[in-house]
Full PDB file with SEQRES, HELIX, SHEET, SSBOND, CRYST1, ORIGX, SCALE, CONECT and MASTER records, all heavy atoms in Angstrom:
SEQRES   1 A   38  LEU ALA GLY PHE GLU HIS LYS ASP GLU ILE GLU ILE GLU          
SEQRES   2 A   38  TRP LYS SER PHE GLN LEU ASN PRO ASP LEU LYS THR ASN          
SEQRES   3 A   38  PRO ASP ILE ASN ILE ASN GLN TYR LEU ALA ASP ILE              
HELIX    1 AA1 LYS A    7  GLU A    9  5                                   3    
HELIX    2 AA2 ILE A   31  ASP A   37  1                                   7    
CRYST1    1.000    1.000    1.000  90.00  90.00  90.00 P 1           1          
ORIGX1      1.000000  0.000000  0.000000        0.00000                         
ORIGX2      0.000000  1.000000  0.000000        0.00000                         
ORIGX3      0.000000  0.000000  1.000000        0.00000                         
SCALE1      1.000000  0.000000  0.000000        0.00000                         
SCALE2      0.000000  1.000000  0.000000        0.00000                         
SCALE3      0.000000  0.000000  1.000000        0.00000                         
ATOM      1  N   LEU A   1     -54.600-128.799  62.788  1.00  0.00           N  
ATOM      2  CA  LEU A   1     -55.513-128.912  61.657  1.00  0.00           C  
ATOM      3  C   LEU A   1     -54.827-129.537  60.442  1.00  0.00           C  
ATOM      4  O   LEU A   1     -55.388-130.339  59.732  1.00  0.00           O  
ATOM      5  CB  LEU A   1     -56.098-127.537  61.292  1.00  0.00           C  
ATOM      6  CG  LEU A   1     -57.226-127.541  60.277  1.00  0.00           C  
ATOM      7  CD1 LEU A   1     -58.368-128.423  60.764  1.00  0.00           C  
ATOM      8  CD2 LEU A   1     -57.664-126.066  59.990  1.00  0.00           C  
ATOM      9  N   ALA A   2     -53.549-129.186  60.208  1.00  0.00           N  
ATOM     10  CA  ALA A   2     -52.801-129.731  59.105  1.00  0.00           C  
ATOM     11  C   ALA A   2     -52.726-131.217  59.161  1.00  0.00           C  
ATOM     12  O   ALA A   2     -52.654-131.946  58.099  1.00  0.00           O  
ATOM     13  CB  ALA A   2     -51.464-129.093  58.992  1.00  0.00           C  
ATOM     14  N   GLY A   3     -52.614-131.800  60.376  1.00  0.00           N  
ATOM     15  CA  GLY A   3     -52.519-133.250  60.528  1.00  0.00           C  
ATOM     16  C   GLY A   3     -53.798-133.872  60.761  1.00  0.00           C  
ATOM     17  O   GLY A   3     -53.833-135.144  61.006  1.00  0.00           O  
ATOM     18  N   PHE A   4     -54.910-133.207  60.625  1.00  0.00           N  
ATOM     19  CA  PHE A   4     -56.206-133.766  60.907  1.00  0.00           C  
ATOM     20  C   PHE A   4     -56.830-134.396  59.697  1.00  0.00           C  
ATOM     21  O   PHE A   4     -56.861-133.784  58.592  1.00  0.00           O  
ATOM     22  CB  PHE A   4     -57.146-132.679  61.458  1.00  0.00           C  
ATOM     23  CG  PHE A   4     -58.491-133.136  61.939  1.00  0.00           C  
ATOM     24  CD1 PHE A   4     -58.622-134.064  62.970  1.00  0.00           C  
ATOM     25  CD2 PHE A   4     -59.721-132.651  61.372  1.00  0.00           C  
ATOM     26  CE1 PHE A   4     -59.842-134.596  63.376  1.00  0.00           C  
ATOM     27  CE2 PHE A   4     -60.902-133.115  61.814  1.00  0.00           C  
ATOM     28  CZ  PHE A   4     -60.917-134.072  62.886  1.00  0.00           C  
ATOM     29  N   GLU A   5     -57.208-135.628  59.784  1.00  0.00           N  
ATOM     30  CA  GLU A   5     -57.767-136.407  58.605  1.00  0.00           C  
ATOM     31  C   GLU A   5     -58.883-135.625  57.896  1.00  0.00           C  
ATOM     32  O   GLU A   5     -59.005-135.727  56.677  1.00  0.00           O  
ATOM     33  CB  GLU A   5     -58.150-137.732  59.065  1.00  0.00           C  
ATOM     34  CG  GLU A   5     -58.652-138.650  57.929  1.00  0.00           C  
ATOM     35  CD  GLU A   5     -59.160-139.983  58.427  1.00  0.00           C  
ATOM     36  OE1 GLU A   5     -59.119-140.240  59.712  1.00  0.00           O  
ATOM     37  OE2 GLU A   5     -59.592-140.804  57.642  1.00  0.00           O  
ATOM     38  N   HIS A   6     -59.697-134.992  58.652  1.00  0.00           N  
ATOM     39  CA  HIS A   6     -60.900-134.341  57.985  1.00  0.00           C  
ATOM     40  C   HIS A   6     -60.786-132.796  57.864  1.00  0.00           C  
ATOM     41  O   HIS A   6     -61.740-132.131  58.009  1.00  0.00           O  
ATOM     42  CB  HIS A   6     -62.167-134.717  58.828  1.00  0.00           C  
ATOM     43  CG  HIS A   6     -62.354-136.228  58.953  1.00  0.00           C  
ATOM     44  ND1 HIS A   6     -62.858-137.003  57.907  1.00  0.00           N  
ATOM     45  CD2 HIS A   6     -62.126-136.990  59.993  1.00  0.00           C  
ATOM     46  CE1 HIS A   6     -62.943-138.308  58.365  1.00  0.00           C  
ATOM     47  NE2 HIS A   6     -62.491-138.246  59.684  1.00  0.00           N  
ATOM     48  N   LYS A   7     -59.525-132.348  57.760  1.00  0.00           N  
ATOM     49  CA  LYS A   7     -59.342-130.891  57.662  1.00  0.00           C  
ATOM     50  C   LYS A   7     -60.129-130.195  56.640  1.00  0.00           C  
ATOM     51  O   LYS A   7     -60.499-128.972  56.767  1.00  0.00           O  
ATOM     52  CB  LYS A   7     -57.836-130.583  57.543  1.00  0.00           C  
ATOM     53  CG  LYS A   7     -57.210-131.143  56.276  1.00  0.00           C  
ATOM     54  CD  LYS A   7     -55.724-130.748  56.245  1.00  0.00           C  
ATOM     55  CE  LYS A   7     -55.017-131.261  55.074  1.00  0.00           C  
ATOM     56  NZ  LYS A   7     -54.873-132.709  55.109  1.00  0.00           N  
ATOM     57  N   ASP A   8     -60.424-130.836  55.489  1.00  0.00           N  
ATOM     58  CA  ASP A   8     -61.203-130.263  54.443  1.00  0.00           C  
ATOM     59  C   ASP A   8     -62.685-130.067  54.791  1.00  0.00           C  
ATOM     60  O   ASP A   8     -63.416-129.403  54.020  1.00  0.00           O  
ATOM     61  CB  ASP A   8     -61.096-131.084  53.130  1.00  0.00           C  
ATOM     62  CG  ASP A   8     -59.649-131.039  52.556  1.00  0.00           C  
ATOM     63  OD1 ASP A   8     -58.900-130.131  52.878  1.00  0.00           O  
ATOM     64  OD2 ASP A   8     -59.281-132.061  51.888  1.00  0.00           O  
ATOM     65  N   GLU A   9     -63.080-130.569  55.904  1.00  0.00           N  
ATOM     66  CA  GLU A   9     -64.512-130.482  56.325  1.00  0.00           C  
ATOM     67  C   GLU A   9     -64.588-129.454  57.533  1.00  0.00           C  
ATOM     68  O   GLU A   9     -65.602-129.454  58.208  1.00  0.00           O  
ATOM     69  CB  GLU A   9     -65.038-131.842  56.688  1.00  0.00           C  
ATOM     70  CG  GLU A   9     -65.178-132.776  55.541  1.00  0.00           C  
ATOM     71  CD  GLU A   9     -65.654-134.120  55.956  1.00  0.00           C  
ATOM     72  OE1 GLU A   9     -66.883-134.277  56.210  1.00  0.00           O  
ATOM     73  OE2 GLU A   9     -64.847-135.147  55.950  1.00  0.00           O  
ATOM     74  N   ILE A  10     -63.547-128.673  57.764  1.00  0.00           N  
ATOM     75  CA  ILE A  10     -63.527-127.730  58.835  1.00  0.00           C  
ATOM     76  C   ILE A  10     -63.662-126.302  58.252  1.00  0.00           C  
ATOM     77  O   ILE A  10     -62.890-125.917  57.344  1.00  0.00           O  
ATOM     78  CB  ILE A  10     -62.305-127.804  59.636  1.00  0.00           C  
ATOM     79  CG1 ILE A  10     -62.056-129.261  60.199  1.00  0.00           C  
ATOM     80  CG2 ILE A  10     -62.287-126.846  60.865  1.00  0.00           C  
ATOM     81  CD1 ILE A  10     -63.257-129.699  61.123  1.00  0.00           C  
ATOM     82  N   GLU A  11     -64.582-125.539  58.793  1.00  0.00           N  
ATOM     83  CA  GLU A  11     -64.663-124.063  58.453  1.00  0.00           C  
ATOM     84  C   GLU A  11     -64.237-123.301  59.653  1.00  0.00           C  
ATOM     85  O   GLU A  11     -64.691-123.430  60.736  1.00  0.00           O  
ATOM     86  CB  GLU A  11     -66.149-123.775  58.045  1.00  0.00           C  
ATOM     87  CG  GLU A  11     -66.401-122.296  57.804  1.00  0.00           C  
ATOM     88  CD  GLU A  11     -67.847-121.883  57.685  1.00  0.00           C  
ATOM     89  OE1 GLU A  11     -68.687-122.895  57.703  1.00  0.00           O  
ATOM     90  OE2 GLU A  11     -68.167-120.784  57.508  1.00  0.00           O  
ATOM     91  N   ILE A  12     -63.359-122.279  59.411  1.00  0.00           N  
ATOM     92  CA  ILE A  12     -62.790-121.467  60.441  1.00  0.00           C  
ATOM     93  C   ILE A  12     -63.459-120.072  60.353  1.00  0.00           C  
ATOM     94  O   ILE A  12     -63.376-119.453  59.304  1.00  0.00           O  
ATOM     95  CB  ILE A  12     -61.244-121.359  60.448  1.00  0.00           C  
ATOM     96  CG1 ILE A  12     -60.723-122.750  60.612  1.00  0.00           C  
ATOM     97  CG2 ILE A  12     -60.798-120.429  61.447  1.00  0.00           C  
ATOM     98  CD1 ILE A  12     -59.225-122.824  60.450  1.00  0.00           C  
ATOM     99  N   GLU A  13     -63.959-119.549  61.416  1.00  0.00           N  
ATOM    100  CA  GLU A  13     -64.461-118.226  61.434  1.00  0.00           C  
ATOM    101  C   GLU A  13     -63.746-117.382  62.572  1.00  0.00           C  
ATOM    102  O   GLU A  13     -63.821-117.791  63.776  1.00  0.00           O  
ATOM    103  CB  GLU A  13     -65.992-118.104  61.685  1.00  0.00           C  
ATOM    104  CG  GLU A  13     -66.506-116.690  61.658  1.00  0.00           C  
ATOM    105  CD  GLU A  13     -67.982-116.632  61.822  1.00  0.00           C  
ATOM    106  OE1 GLU A  13     -68.585-117.692  61.914  1.00  0.00           O  
ATOM    107  OE2 GLU A  13     -68.549-115.568  61.881  1.00  0.00           O  
ATOM    108  N   TRP A  14     -63.061-116.321  62.207  1.00  0.00           N  
ATOM    109  CA  TRP A  14     -62.468-115.439  63.248  1.00  0.00           C  
ATOM    110  C   TRP A  14     -63.406-114.472  63.728  1.00  0.00           C  
ATOM    111  O   TRP A  14     -64.182-113.882  63.012  1.00  0.00           O  
ATOM    112  CB  TRP A  14     -61.259-114.758  62.606  1.00  0.00           C  
ATOM    113  CG  TRP A  14     -60.089-115.651  62.399  1.00  0.00           C  
ATOM    114  CD1 TRP A  14     -59.837-116.462  61.279  1.00  0.00           C  
ATOM    115  CD2 TRP A  14     -58.974-115.973  63.292  1.00  0.00           C  
ATOM    116  NE1 TRP A  14     -58.676-117.150  61.428  1.00  0.00           N  
ATOM    117  CE2 TRP A  14     -58.225-116.872  62.629  1.00  0.00           C  
ATOM    118  CE3 TRP A  14     -58.688-115.479  64.555  1.00  0.00           C  
ATOM    119  CZ2 TRP A  14     -57.048-117.398  63.293  1.00  0.00           C  
ATOM    120  CZ3 TRP A  14     -57.552-115.998  65.190  1.00  0.00           C  
ATOM    121  CH2 TRP A  14     -56.721-116.910  64.533  1.00  0.00           C  
ATOM    122  N   LYS A  15     -63.331-114.175  65.156  1.00  0.00           N  
ATOM    123  CA  LYS A  15     -64.267-113.295  65.768  1.00  0.00           C  
ATOM    124  C   LYS A  15     -63.501-112.279  66.576  1.00  0.00           C  
ATOM    125  O   LYS A  15     -62.372-112.550  67.068  1.00  0.00           O  
ATOM    126  CB  LYS A  15     -65.193-114.008  66.644  1.00  0.00           C  
ATOM    127  CG  LYS A  15     -66.070-115.060  65.968  1.00  0.00           C  
ATOM    128  CD  LYS A  15     -67.550-114.830  66.192  1.00  0.00           C  
ATOM    129  CE  LYS A  15     -68.368-115.795  65.379  1.00  0.00           C  
ATOM    130  NZ  LYS A  15     -69.840-115.642  65.619  1.00  0.00           N  
ATOM    131  N   SER A  16     -64.060-111.076  66.660  1.00  0.00           N  
ATOM    132  CA  SER A  16     -63.340-109.929  67.238  1.00  0.00           C  
ATOM    133  C   SER A  16     -63.387-109.972  68.805  1.00  0.00           C  
ATOM    134  O   SER A  16     -64.451-110.414  69.354  1.00  0.00           O  
ATOM    135  CB  SER A  16     -63.845-108.595  66.797  1.00  0.00           C  
ATOM    136  OG  SER A  16     -63.785-108.478  65.359  1.00  0.00           O  
ATOM    137  N   PHE A  17     -62.345-109.561  69.464  1.00  0.00           N  
ATOM    138  CA  PHE A  17     -62.288-109.380  70.874  1.00  0.00           C  
ATOM    139  C   PHE A  17     -61.260-108.287  71.138  1.00  0.00           C  
ATOM    140  O   PHE A  17     -60.345-108.067  70.383  1.00  0.00           O  
ATOM    141  CB  PHE A  17     -61.794-110.690  71.585  1.00  0.00           C  
ATOM    142  CG  PHE A  17     -61.951-110.671  73.062  1.00  0.00           C  
ATOM    143  CD1 PHE A  17     -63.091-111.247  73.601  1.00  0.00           C  
ATOM    144  CD2 PHE A  17     -60.956-110.208  73.876  1.00  0.00           C  
ATOM    145  CE1 PHE A  17     -63.211-111.255  75.023  1.00  0.00           C  
ATOM    146  CE2 PHE A  17     -61.116-110.271  75.226  1.00  0.00           C  
ATOM    147  CZ  PHE A  17     -62.230-110.761  75.811  1.00  0.00           C  
ATOM    148  N   GLN A  18     -61.539-107.460  72.220  1.00  0.00           N  
ATOM    149  CA  GLN A  18     -60.647-106.393  72.561  1.00  0.00           C  
ATOM    150  C   GLN A  18     -60.202-106.513  73.984  1.00  0.00           C  
ATOM    151  O   GLN A  18     -61.086-106.541  74.893  1.00  0.00           O  
ATOM    152  CB  GLN A  18     -61.288-104.973  72.341  1.00  0.00           C  
ATOM    153  CG  GLN A  18     -61.263-104.560  70.841  1.00  0.00           C  
ATOM    154  CD  GLN A  18     -61.360-103.061  70.710  1.00  0.00           C  
ATOM    155  OE1 GLN A  18     -62.487-102.497  70.901  1.00  0.00           O  
ATOM    156  NE2 GLN A  18     -60.301-102.398  70.310  1.00  0.00           N  
ATOM    157  N   LEU A  19     -58.932-106.624  74.178  1.00  0.00           N  
ATOM    158  CA  LEU A  19     -58.360-106.778  75.583  1.00  0.00           C  
ATOM    159  C   LEU A  19     -58.550-105.420  76.255  1.00  0.00           C  
ATOM    160  O   LEU A  19     -58.694-105.426  77.508  1.00  0.00           O  
ATOM    161  CB  LEU A  19     -56.926-107.209  75.465  1.00  0.00           C  
ATOM    162  CG  LEU A  19     -56.695-108.611  74.950  1.00  0.00           C  
ATOM    163  CD1 LEU A  19     -55.239-108.813  74.688  1.00  0.00           C  
ATOM    164  CD2 LEU A  19     -57.219-109.642  75.900  1.00  0.00           C  
ATOM    165  N   ASN A  20     -58.399-104.356  75.559  1.00  0.00           N  
ATOM    166  CA  ASN A  20     -58.423-103.014  76.172  1.00  0.00           C  
ATOM    167  C   ASN A  20     -59.198-102.119  75.238  1.00  0.00           C  
ATOM    168  O   ASN A  20     -58.559-101.337  74.508  1.00  0.00           O  
ATOM    169  CB  ASN A  20     -57.048-102.506  76.489  1.00  0.00           C  
ATOM    170  CG  ASN A  20     -57.064-101.225  77.305  1.00  0.00           C  
ATOM    171  OD1 ASN A  20     -58.136-100.589  77.525  1.00  0.00           O  
ATOM    172  ND2 ASN A  20     -55.918-100.755  77.692  1.00  0.00           N  
ATOM    173  N   PRO A  21     -60.548-102.106  75.268  1.00  0.00           N  
ATOM    174  CA  PRO A  21     -61.313-101.245  74.356  1.00  0.00           C  
ATOM    175  C   PRO A  21     -61.009 -99.810  74.473  1.00  0.00           C  
ATOM    176  O   PRO A  21     -61.211 -99.009  73.538  1.00  0.00           O  
ATOM    177  CB  PRO A  21     -62.745-101.598  74.690  1.00  0.00           C  
ATOM    178  CG  PRO A  21     -62.665-102.846  75.405  1.00  0.00           C  
ATOM    179  CD  PRO A  21     -61.339-102.873  76.086  1.00  0.00           C  
ATOM    180  N   ASP A  22     -60.638 -99.310  75.731  1.00  0.00           N  
ATOM    181  CA  ASP A  22     -60.441 -97.891  75.922  1.00  0.00           C  
ATOM    182  C   ASP A  22     -58.978 -97.421  75.650  1.00  0.00           C  
ATOM    183  O   ASP A  22     -58.668 -96.266  75.889  1.00  0.00           O  
ATOM    184  CB  ASP A  22     -60.754 -97.577  77.394  1.00  0.00           C  
ATOM    185  CG  ASP A  22     -62.183 -97.863  77.733  1.00  0.00           C  
ATOM    186  OD1 ASP A  22     -63.100 -97.671  76.834  1.00  0.00           O  
ATOM    187  OD2 ASP A  22     -62.504 -98.410  78.796  1.00  0.00           O  
ATOM    188  N   LEU A  23     -58.207 -98.343  75.112  1.00  0.00           N  
ATOM    189  CA  LEU A  23     -56.805 -97.946  74.843  1.00  0.00           C  
ATOM    190  C   LEU A  23     -56.732 -96.868  73.857  1.00  0.00           C  
ATOM    191  O   LEU A  23     -57.336 -96.867  72.833  1.00  0.00           O  
ATOM    192  CB  LEU A  23     -56.051 -99.238  74.306  1.00  0.00           C  
ATOM    193  CG  LEU A  23     -54.620 -99.007  73.753  1.00  0.00           C  
ATOM    194  CD1 LEU A  23     -53.714 -98.567  74.840  1.00  0.00           C  
ATOM    195  CD2 LEU A  23     -54.175-100.270  73.087  1.00  0.00           C  
ATOM    196  N   LYS A  24     -55.921 -95.870  74.140  1.00  0.00           N  
ATOM    197  CA  LYS A  24     -55.625 -94.765  73.237  1.00  0.00           C  
ATOM    198  C   LYS A  24     -54.271 -95.086  72.452  1.00  0.00           C  
ATOM    199  O   LYS A  24     -53.256 -95.386  73.136  1.00  0.00           O  
ATOM    200  CB  LYS A  24     -55.381 -93.478  73.999  1.00  0.00           C  
ATOM    201  CG  LYS A  24     -56.681 -93.106  74.829  1.00  0.00           C  
ATOM    202  CD  LYS A  24     -57.898 -92.844  73.964  1.00  0.00           C  
ATOM    203  CE  LYS A  24     -59.075 -92.336  74.900  1.00  0.00           C  
ATOM    204  NZ  LYS A  24     -60.322 -92.260  74.153  1.00  0.00           N  
ATOM    205  N   THR A  25     -54.374 -95.090  71.215  1.00  0.00           N  
ATOM    206  CA  THR A  25     -53.175 -95.342  70.416  1.00  0.00           C  
ATOM    207  C   THR A  25     -52.108 -94.350  70.677  1.00  0.00           C  
ATOM    208  O   THR A  25     -52.320 -93.091  70.713  1.00  0.00           O  
ATOM    209  CB  THR A  25     -53.550 -95.288  68.879  1.00  0.00           C  
ATOM    210  OG1 THR A  25     -54.515 -96.340  68.575  1.00  0.00           O  
ATOM    211  CG2 THR A  25     -52.342 -95.490  68.012  1.00  0.00           C  
ATOM    212  N   ASN A  26     -50.890 -94.781  70.921  1.00  0.00           N  
ATOM    213  CA  ASN A  26     -49.816 -93.885  71.332  1.00  0.00           C  
ATOM    214  C   ASN A  26     -48.465 -94.500  70.796  1.00  0.00           C  
ATOM    215  O   ASN A  26     -47.817 -95.344  71.477  1.00  0.00           O  
ATOM    216  CB  ASN A  26     -49.747 -93.750  72.887  1.00  0.00           C  
ATOM    217  CG  ASN A  26     -48.710 -92.722  73.288  1.00  0.00           C  
ATOM    218  OD1 ASN A  26     -47.937 -92.198  72.534  1.00  0.00           O  
ATOM    219  ND2 ASN A  26     -48.625 -92.418  74.544  1.00  0.00           N  
ATOM    220  N   PRO A  27     -48.018 -94.093  69.674  1.00  0.00           N  
ATOM    221  CA  PRO A  27     -46.848 -94.563  69.042  1.00  0.00           C  
ATOM    222  C   PRO A  27     -45.579 -94.238  69.862  1.00  0.00           C  
ATOM    223  O   PRO A  27     -44.477 -94.771  69.573  1.00  0.00           O  
ATOM    224  CB  PRO A  27     -46.779 -93.901  67.680  1.00  0.00           C  
ATOM    225  CG  PRO A  27     -48.127 -93.499  67.397  1.00  0.00           C  
ATOM    226  CD  PRO A  27     -48.703 -93.138  68.738  1.00  0.00           C  
ATOM    227  N   ASP A  28     -45.724 -93.300  70.853  1.00  0.00           N  
ATOM    228  CA  ASP A  28     -44.525 -92.770  71.548  1.00  0.00           C  
ATOM    229  C   ASP A  28     -44.210 -93.590  72.816  1.00  0.00           C  
ATOM    230  O   ASP A  28     -43.199 -93.355  73.405  1.00  0.00           O  
ATOM    231  CB  ASP A  28     -44.740 -91.316  71.980  1.00  0.00           C  
ATOM    232  CG  ASP A  28     -44.874 -90.416  70.729  1.00  0.00           C  
ATOM    233  OD1 ASP A  28     -44.186 -90.695  69.730  1.00  0.00           O  
ATOM    234  OD2 ASP A  28     -45.668 -89.400  70.755  1.00  0.00           O  
ATOM    235  N   ILE A  29     -45.099 -94.447  73.235  1.00  0.00           N  
ATOM    236  CA  ILE A  29     -44.928 -95.274  74.447  1.00  0.00           C  
ATOM    237  C   ILE A  29     -44.297 -96.578  74.112  1.00  0.00           C  
ATOM    238  O   ILE A  29     -44.709 -97.229  73.114  1.00  0.00           O  
ATOM    239  CB  ILE A  29     -46.153 -95.336  75.308  1.00  0.00           C  
ATOM    240  CG1 ILE A  29     -45.908 -95.968  76.664  1.00  0.00           C  
ATOM    241  CG2 ILE A  29     -47.166 -96.186  74.572  1.00  0.00           C  
ATOM    242  CD1 ILE A  29     -47.134 -95.978  77.489  1.00  0.00           C  
ATOM    243  N   ASN A  30     -43.390 -97.069  74.944  1.00  0.00           N  
ATOM    244  CA  ASN A  30     -42.739 -98.353  74.829  1.00  0.00           C  
ATOM    245  C   ASN A  30     -43.810 -99.437  75.275  1.00  0.00           C  
ATOM    246  O   ASN A  30     -44.548 -99.237  76.306  1.00  0.00           O  
ATOM    247  CB  ASN A  30     -41.454 -98.456  75.612  1.00  0.00           C  
ATOM    248  CG  ASN A  30     -40.818 -99.772  75.581  1.00  0.00           C  
ATOM    249  OD1 ASN A  30     -41.182-100.688  76.307  1.00  0.00           O  
ATOM    250  ND2 ASN A  30     -39.852 -99.900  74.595  1.00  0.00           N  
ATOM    251  N   ILE A  31     -43.815-100.610  74.625  1.00  0.00           N  
ATOM    252  CA  ILE A  31     -44.762-101.624  74.913  1.00  0.00           C  
ATOM    253  C   ILE A  31     -44.569-102.185  76.368  1.00  0.00           C  
ATOM    254  O   ILE A  31     -45.533-102.572  77.037  1.00  0.00           O  
ATOM    255  CB  ILE A  31     -44.679-102.780  73.844  1.00  0.00           C  
ATOM    256  CG1 ILE A  31     -45.910-103.745  74.102  1.00  0.00           C  
ATOM    257  CG2 ILE A  31     -43.409-103.522  73.939  1.00  0.00           C  
ATOM    258  CD1 ILE A  31     -47.226-103.212  73.677  1.00  0.00           C  
ATOM    259  N   ASN A  32     -43.300-102.157  76.746  1.00  0.00           N  
ATOM    260  CA  ASN A  32     -43.039-102.640  78.139  1.00  0.00           C  
ATOM    261  C   ASN A  32     -43.622-101.646  79.168  1.00  0.00           C  
ATOM    262  O   ASN A  32     -44.160-102.133  80.209  1.00  0.00           O  
ATOM    263  CB  ASN A  32     -41.590-102.844  78.312  1.00  0.00           C  
ATOM    264  CG  ASN A  32     -40.959-103.962  77.529  1.00  0.00           C  
ATOM    265  OD1 ASN A  32     -41.608-104.935  77.270  1.00  0.00           O  
ATOM    266  ND2 ASN A  32     -39.737-103.745  77.083  1.00  0.00           N  
ATOM    267  N   GLN A  33     -43.519-100.411  78.890  1.00  0.00           N  
ATOM    268  CA  GLN A  33     -44.017 -99.405  79.756  1.00  0.00           C  
ATOM    269  C   GLN A  33     -45.525 -99.520  79.814  1.00  0.00           C  
ATOM    270  O   GLN A  33     -46.137 -99.398  80.914  1.00  0.00           O  
ATOM    271  CB  GLN A  33     -43.634 -98.038  79.324  1.00  0.00           C  
ATOM    272  CG  GLN A  33     -44.043 -96.843  80.217  1.00  0.00           C  
ATOM    273  CD  GLN A  33     -43.429 -96.904  81.571  1.00  0.00           C  
ATOM    274  OE1 GLN A  33     -42.223 -96.902  81.700  1.00  0.00           O  
ATOM    275  NE2 GLN A  33     -44.194 -97.110  82.688  1.00  0.00           N  
ATOM    276  N   TYR A  34     -46.157 -99.728  78.672  1.00  0.00           N  
ATOM    277  CA  TYR A  34     -47.652 -99.817  78.619  1.00  0.00           C  
ATOM    278  C   TYR A  34     -48.052-101.043  79.453  1.00  0.00           C  
ATOM    279  O   TYR A  34     -49.030-100.898  80.237  1.00  0.00           O  
ATOM    280  CB  TYR A  34     -48.062 -99.991  77.177  1.00  0.00           C  
ATOM    281  CG  TYR A  34     -49.493-100.611  77.005  1.00  0.00           C  
ATOM    282  CD1 TYR A  34     -50.550 -99.853  77.280  1.00  0.00           C  
ATOM    283  CD2 TYR A  34     -49.601-101.930  76.638  1.00  0.00           C  
ATOM    284  CE1 TYR A  34     -51.837-100.347  77.208  1.00  0.00           C  
ATOM    285  CE2 TYR A  34     -50.956-102.424  76.506  1.00  0.00           C  
ATOM    286  CZ  TYR A  34     -51.981-101.708  76.750  1.00  0.00           C  
ATOM    287  OH  TYR A  34     -53.274-102.199  76.643  1.00  0.00           O  
ATOM    288  N   LEU A  35     -47.359-102.174  79.288  1.00  0.00           N  
ATOM    289  CA  LEU A  35     -47.768-103.334  79.999  1.00  0.00           C  
ATOM    290  C   LEU A  35     -47.645-103.118  81.522  1.00  0.00           C  
ATOM    291  O   LEU A  35     -48.398-103.489  82.361  1.00  0.00           O  
ATOM    292  CB  LEU A  35     -46.949-104.573  79.525  1.00  0.00           C  
ATOM    293  CG  LEU A  35     -47.275-105.927  80.185  1.00  0.00           C  
ATOM    294  CD1 LEU A  35     -48.721-106.288  79.887  1.00  0.00           C  
ATOM    295  CD2 LEU A  35     -46.303-106.965  79.644  1.00  0.00           C  
ATOM    296  N   ALA A  36     -46.497-102.463  81.884  1.00  0.00           N  
ATOM    297  CA  ALA A  36     -46.234-102.249  83.305  1.00  0.00           C  
ATOM    298  C   ALA A  36     -47.300-101.268  83.890  1.00  0.00           C  
ATOM    299  O   ALA A  36     -47.776-101.468  85.053  1.00  0.00           O  
ATOM    300  CB  ALA A  36     -44.838-101.578  83.440  1.00  0.00           C  
ATOM    301  N   ASP A  37     -47.697-100.271  83.138  1.00  0.00           N  
ATOM    302  CA  ASP A  37     -48.726 -99.297  83.608  1.00  0.00           C  
ATOM    303  C   ASP A  37     -50.084-100.028  83.812  1.00  0.00           C  
ATOM    304  O   ASP A  37     -50.742 -99.738  84.830  1.00  0.00           O  
ATOM    305  CB  ASP A  37     -48.889 -98.198  82.604  1.00  0.00           C  
ATOM    306  CG  ASP A  37     -47.672 -97.321  82.537  1.00  0.00           C  
ATOM    307  OD1 ASP A  37     -46.842 -97.338  83.495  1.00  0.00           O  
ATOM    308  OD2 ASP A  37     -47.586 -96.529  81.628  1.00  0.00           O  
ATOM    309  N   ILE A  38     -50.523-100.856  82.936  1.00  0.00           N  
ATOM    310  CA  ILE A  38     -51.837-101.473  83.062  1.00  0.00           C  
ATOM    311  C   ILE A  38     -51.849-102.671  84.023  1.00  0.00           C  
ATOM    312  O   ILE A  38     -52.923-102.940  84.625  1.00  0.00           O  
ATOM    313  CB  ILE A  38     -52.452-101.872  81.739  1.00  0.00           C  
ATOM    314  CG1 ILE A  38     -51.580-103.087  81.082  1.00  0.00           C  
ATOM    315  CG2 ILE A  38     -52.536-100.754  80.742  1.00  0.00           C  
ATOM    316  CD1 ILE A  38     -52.256-103.692  79.881  1.00  0.00           C  
TER     317      ILE A  38                                                      
MASTER        0    0    0    2    0    0    0    6  316    1    0    3          
END                                                                             
């Protein structure tokens, strides 16, 4: 976008998505272990 001639005419809208909606937050688990488990 930075190198695009018409960048000032572009509107960006971010939208939500969840890879794992049922995920339970767990600060005690390692991210590698989490990935391995799922």
